[in-house]
């Protein structure tokens, strides 16, 4: 199974982030411009939270707040679950499922090196299963295995 490090090399390590002081409205514009569902929140280069569409829907819209008047720090998820790049995609997907998160920052020690989404991981797992299936079919054909 592919590691997160390998996945980041293939998909690219570019990620988007905002400061805690960023207004929610401005963060939403970044998300729309970059076509992403979540942003990491960095304070002096250190990961301090995640801001997602879910945070916006539950903590701004449903509470009748104005996204132009509140900062990301007021509504971000500060309990961030992250993974090291050595984890494999299947393990990361299991963690996301267990913790009900859709994005995982990737930290190499304390250095932020990327982010993976549930879509990235599902694609990686499906690709792996296709490769295994192809290899098994080839083995059966080459060895005339009877089922």
C-alpha atoms as a PDB file:
ATOM      1  CA  UNK A   1       0.000   0.000   0.000  1.00  0.00           C
ATOM      2  CA  UNK A   2       1.205   3.481  -0.890  1.00  0.00           C
ATOM      3  CA  UNK A   3       2.499   5.747   1.873  1.00  0.00           C
ATOM      4  CA  UNK A   4       1.247   9.287   2.451  1.00  0.00           C
ATOM      5  CA  UNK A   5       4.703  10.511   1.447  1.00  0.00           C
ATOM      6  CA  UNK A   6       4.339   8.837  -1.959  1.00  0.00           C
ATOM      7  CA  UNK A   7       0.784  10.143  -2.342  1.00  0.00           C
ATOM      8  CA  UNK A   8       1.969  13.704  -1.686  1.00  0.00           C
ATOM      9  CA  UNK A   9       4.700  13.344  -4.305  1.00  0.00           C
ATOM     10  CA  UNK A  10       2.126  12.176  -6.848  1.00  0.00           C
ATOM     11  CA  UNK A  11      -0.638  14.662  -6.064  1.00  0.00           C
ATOM     12  CA  UNK A  12       1.597  17.570  -5.137  1.00  0.00           C
ATOM     13  CA  UNK A  13       2.452  19.052  -1.787  1.00  0.00           C
ATOM     14  CA  UNK A  14       0.779  22.403  -2.337  1.00  0.00           C
ATOM     15  CA  UNK A  15      -1.612  23.406   0.414  1.00  0.00           C
ATOM     16  CA  UNK A  16      -3.594  26.461   1.411  1.00  0.00           C
ATOM     17  CA  UNK A  17      -3.759  28.113   4.788  1.00  0.00           C
ATOM     18  CA  UNK A  18      -4.890  31.215   6.647  1.00  0.00           C
ATOM     19  CA  UNK A  19      -3.916  32.970   9.866  1.00  0.00           C
ATOM     20  CA  UNK A  20      -6.162  32.745  12.935  1.00  0.00           C
ATOM     21  CA  UNK A  21      -6.968  36.471  12.565  1.00  0.00           C
ATOM     22  CA  UNK A  22      -8.277  36.039   9.002  1.00  0.00           C
ATOM     23  CA  UNK A  23     -11.950  36.916   8.711  1.00  0.00           C
ATOM     24  CA  UNK A  24     -14.154  33.928   7.939  1.00  0.00           C
ATOM     25  CA  UNK A  25     -15.456  35.633   4.785  1.00  0.00           C
ATOM     26  CA  UNK A  26     -11.900  36.003   3.443  1.00  0.00           C
ATOM     27  CA  UNK A  27     -11.107  32.383   4.272  1.00  0.00           C
ATOM     28  CA  UNK A  28     -14.217  31.299   2.371  1.00  0.00           C
ATOM     29  CA  UNK A  29     -13.023  33.292  -0.647  1.00  0.00           C
ATOM     30  CA  UNK A  30      -9.688  31.443  -0.537  1.00  0.00           C
ATOM     31  CA  UNK A  31     -11.528  28.119  -0.327  1.00  0.00           C
ATOM     32  CA  UNK A  32     -13.701  29.035  -3.316  1.00  0.00           C
ATOM     33  CA  UNK A  33     -10.759  30.335  -5.355  1.00  0.00           C
ATOM     34  CA  UNK A  34      -8.679  27.210  -4.678  1.00  0.00           C
ATOM     35  CA  UNK A  35     -11.664  24.815  -4.853  1.00  0.00           C
ATOM     36  CA  UNK A  36     -10.926  23.217  -1.479  1.00  0.00           C
ATOM     37  CA  UNK A  37     -13.190  22.239   1.401  1.00  0.00           C
ATOM     38  CA  UNK A  38     -10.819  23.090   4.226  1.00  0.00           C
ATOM     39  CA  UNK A  39      -7.880  25.291   5.088  1.00  0.00           C
ATOM     40  CA  UNK A  40      -5.185  24.785   7.630  1.00  0.00           C
ATOM     41  CA  UNK A  41      -4.787  27.568  10.161  1.00  0.00           C
ATOM     42  CA  UNK A  42      -1.171  28.510  10.831  1.00  0.00           C
ATOM     43  CA  UNK A  43       0.173  30.865  13.460  1.00  0.00           C
ATOM     44  CA  UNK A  44       3.832  31.810  12.806  1.00  0.00           C
ATOM     45  CA  UNK A  45       4.218  28.672  10.724  1.00  0.00           C
ATOM     46  CA  UNK A  46       2.759  26.336  13.346  1.00  0.00           C
ATOM     47  CA  UNK A  47      -0.451  24.389  12.723  1.00  0.00           C
ATOM     48  CA  UNK A  48      -3.036  25.592  15.251  1.00  0.00           C
ATOM     49  CA  UNK A  49      -6.298  24.534  13.646  1.00  0.00           C
ATOM     50  CA  UNK A  50      -8.414  23.595  10.663  1.00  0.00           C
ATOM     51  CA  UNK A  51     -11.190  25.637   9.111  1.00  0.00           C
ATOM     52  CA  UNK A  52     -13.723  23.730   7.011  1.00  0.00           C
ATOM     53  CA  UNK A  53     -17.031  24.180   5.276  1.00  0.00           C
ATOM     54  CA  UNK A  54     -18.514  22.171   8.145  1.00  0.00           C
ATOM     55  CA  UNK A  55     -17.162  24.701  10.691  1.00  0.00           C
ATOM     56  CA  UNK A  56     -18.738  27.513   8.685  1.00  0.00           C
ATOM     57  CA  UNK A  57     -22.107  25.814   8.348  1.00  0.00           C
ATOM     58  CA  UNK A  58     -22.384  24.806  11.995  1.00  0.00           C
ATOM     59  CA  UNK A  59     -20.722  27.735  13.758  1.00  0.00           C
ATOM     60  CA  UNK A  60     -21.604  30.713  11.572  1.00  0.00           C
ATOM     61  CA  UNK A  61     -24.705  30.092   9.481  1.00  0.00           C
ATOM     62  CA  UNK A  62     -26.660  28.116  12.072  1.00  0.00           C
ATOM     63  CA  UNK A  63     -25.731  30.579  14.834  1.00  0.00           C
ATOM     64  CA  UNK A  64     -26.717  33.590  12.737  1.00  0.00           C
ATOM     65  CA  UNK A  65     -23.247  35.164  12.855  1.00  0.00           C
ATOM     66  CA  UNK A  66     -21.663  37.324  10.174  1.00  0.00           C
ATOM     67  CA  UNK A  67     -18.690  35.835   8.353  1.00  0.00           C
ATOM     68  CA  UNK A  68     -17.326  39.334   7.726  1.00  0.00           C
ATOM     69  CA  UNK A  69     -17.145  40.128  11.440  1.00  0.00           C
ATOM     70  CA  UNK A  70     -15.624  37.031  13.026  1.00  0.00           C
ATOM     71  CA  UNK A  71     -12.162  35.558  12.719  1.00  0.00           C
ATOM     72  CA  UNK A  72     -11.270  32.021  11.765  1.00  0.00           C
ATOM     73  CA  UNK A  73      -9.850  31.547  15.286  1.00  0.00           C
ATOM     74  CA  UNK A  74     -13.352  31.925  16.743  1.00  0.00           C
ATOM     75  CA  UNK A  75     -14.784  28.953  14.853  1.00  0.00           C
ATOM     76  CA  UNK A  76     -11.897  26.759  13.687  1.00  0.00           C
ATOM     77  CA  UNK A  77     -11.414  23.234  14.937  1.00  0.00           C
ATOM     78  CA  UNK A  78      -8.390  23.490  17.211  1.00  0.00           C
ATOM     79  CA  UNK A  79      -8.134  19.784  18.049  1.00  0.00           C
ATOM     80  CA  UNK A  80      -6.345  18.847  14.845  1.00  0.00           C
ATOM     81  CA  UNK A  81      -5.664  15.224  14.011  1.00  0.00           C
ATOM     82  CA  UNK A  82      -2.565  14.850  11.848  1.00  0.00           C
ATOM     83  CA  UNK A  83      -0.450  12.062  10.429  1.00  0.00           C
ATOM     84  CA  UNK A  84       3.224  11.546   9.605  1.00  0.00           C
ATOM     85  CA  UNK A  85       4.194  10.913   5.976  1.00  0.00           C
ATOM     86  CA  UNK A  86       5.223   7.324   6.801  1.00  0.00           C
ATOM     87  CA  UNK A  87       1.623   6.175   7.380  1.00  0.00           C
ATOM     88  CA  UNK A  88       0.069   4.204   4.542  1.00  0.00           C
ATOM     89  CA  UNK A  89      -3.085   5.372   2.784  1.00  0.00           C
ATOM     90  CA  UNK A  90      -5.237   2.572   4.170  1.00  0.00           C
ATOM     91  CA  UNK A  91      -4.262   3.457   7.762  1.00  0.00           C
ATOM     92  CA  UNK A  92      -4.947   7.140   7.115  1.00  0.00           C
ATOM     93  CA  UNK A  93      -8.364   6.334   5.658  1.00  0.00           C
ATOM     94  CA  UNK A  94      -9.218   4.196   8.689  1.00  0.00           C
ATOM     95  CA  UNK A  95      -8.209   7.079  10.985  1.00  0.00           C
ATOM     96  CA  UNK A  96     -10.356   9.550   9.047  1.00  0.00           C
ATOM     97  CA  UNK A  97     -13.320   7.200   9.249  1.00  0.00           C
ATOM     98  CA  UNK A  98     -12.885   6.606  12.972  1.00  0.00           C
ATOM     99  CA  UNK A  99     -12.456  10.306  13.791  1.00  0.00           C
ATOM    100  CA  UNK A 100     -15.085  11.595  11.305  1.00  0.00           C
ATOM    101  CA  UNK A 101     -12.724  14.011   9.560  1.00  0.00           C
ATOM    102  CA  UNK A 102     -12.351  14.729   5.866  1.00  0.00           C
ATOM    103  CA  UNK A 103      -8.870  16.278   5.817  1.00  0.00           C
ATOM    104  CA  UNK A 104      -5.603  15.293   7.498  1.00  0.00           C
ATOM    105  CA  UNK A 105      -2.597  17.580   7.729  1.00  0.00           C
ATOM    106  CA  UNK A 106       0.682  15.751   7.205  1.00  0.00           C
ATOM    107  CA  UNK A 107       3.439  16.634   9.661  1.00  0.00           C
ATOM    108  CA  UNK A 108       7.041  15.478   9.401  1.00  0.00           C
ATOM    109  CA  UNK A 109       8.044  16.101  12.998  1.00  0.00           C
ATOM    110  CA  UNK A 110       6.669  19.613  13.514  1.00  0.00           C
ATOM    111  CA  UNK A 111       7.043  20.621   9.873  1.00  0.00           C
ATOM    112  CA  UNK A 112       3.843  20.799   7.842  1.00  0.00           C
ATOM    113  CA  UNK A 113       4.460  19.028   4.534  1.00  0.00           C
ATOM    114  CA  UNK A 114       0.971  18.717   3.045  1.00  0.00           C
ATOM    115  CA  UNK A 115      -2.626  17.711   3.482  1.00  0.00           C
ATOM    116  CA  UNK A 116      -4.668  14.760   2.255  1.00  0.00           C
ATOM    117  CA  UNK A 117      -8.412  14.571   1.786  1.00  0.00           C
ATOM    118  CA  UNK A 118     -10.691  11.593   2.071  1.00  0.00           C
ATOM    119  CA  UNK A 119     -11.036  11.742  -1.722  1.00  0.00           C
ATOM    120  CA  UNK A 120      -7.254  11.473  -2.159  1.00  0.00           C
ATOM    121  CA  UNK A 121      -7.172   8.400   0.065  1.00  0.00           C
ATOM    122  CA  UNK A 122     -10.186   6.658  -1.449  1.00  0.00           C
ATOM    123  CA  UNK A 123      -8.631   7.088  -4.897  1.00  0.00           C
ATOM    124  CA  UNK A 124      -5.292   5.693  -3.663  1.00  0.00           C
ATOM    125  CA  UNK A 125      -6.954   2.648  -2.076  1.00  0.00           C
ATOM    126  CA  UNK A 126      -9.048   1.964  -5.203  1.00  0.00           C
ATOM    127  CA  UNK A 127      -5.957   2.284  -7.426  1.00  0.00           C
ATOM    128  CA  UNK A 128      -4.111  -0.164  -5.168  1.00  0.00           C
ATOM    129  CA  UNK A 129      -6.986  -2.669  -5.303  1.00  0.00           C
ATOM    130  CA  UNK A 130      -7.052  -2.415  -9.111  1.00  0.00           C
ATOM    131  CA  UNK A 131      -3.313  -3.175  -9.238  1.00  0.00           C
ATOM    132  CA  UNK A 132      -3.727  -6.182  -6.938  1.00  0.00           C
ATOM    133  CA  UNK A 133      -6.651  -7.455  -9.021  1.00  0.00           C
ATOM    134  CA  UNK A 134      -4.676  -7.058 -12.250  1.00  0.00           C
ATOM    135  CA  UNK A 135      -1.689  -8.898 -10.771  1.00  0.00           C
ATOM    136  CA  UNK A 136      -3.873 -11.764  -9.545  1.00  0.00           C
ATOM    137  CA  UNK A 137      -5.583 -12.083 -12.930  1.00  0.00           C
ATOM    138  CA  UNK A 138      -2.186 -12.130 -14.655  1.00  0.00           C
ATOM    139  CA  UNK A 139      -0.947 -14.798 -12.244  1.00  0.00           C
ATOM    140  CA  UNK A 140      -4.023 -16.949 -12.921  1.00  0.00           C
ATOM    141  CA  UNK A 141      -3.575 -16.621 -16.688  1.00  0.00           C
ATOM    142  CA  UNK A 142       0.155 -17.351 -16.614  1.00  0.00           C
ATOM    143  CA  UNK A 143      -0.145 -20.337 -14.306  1.00  0.00           C
ATOM    144  CA  UNK A 144      -3.426 -21.680 -15.672  1.00  0.00           C
ATOM    145  CA  UNK A 145      -4.831 -21.790 -12.178  1.00  0.00           C
ATOM    146  CA  UNK A 146      -8.222 -23.470 -12.102  1.00  0.00           C
ATOM    147  CA  UNK A 147     -10.777 -22.116  -9.742  1.00  0.00           C
END
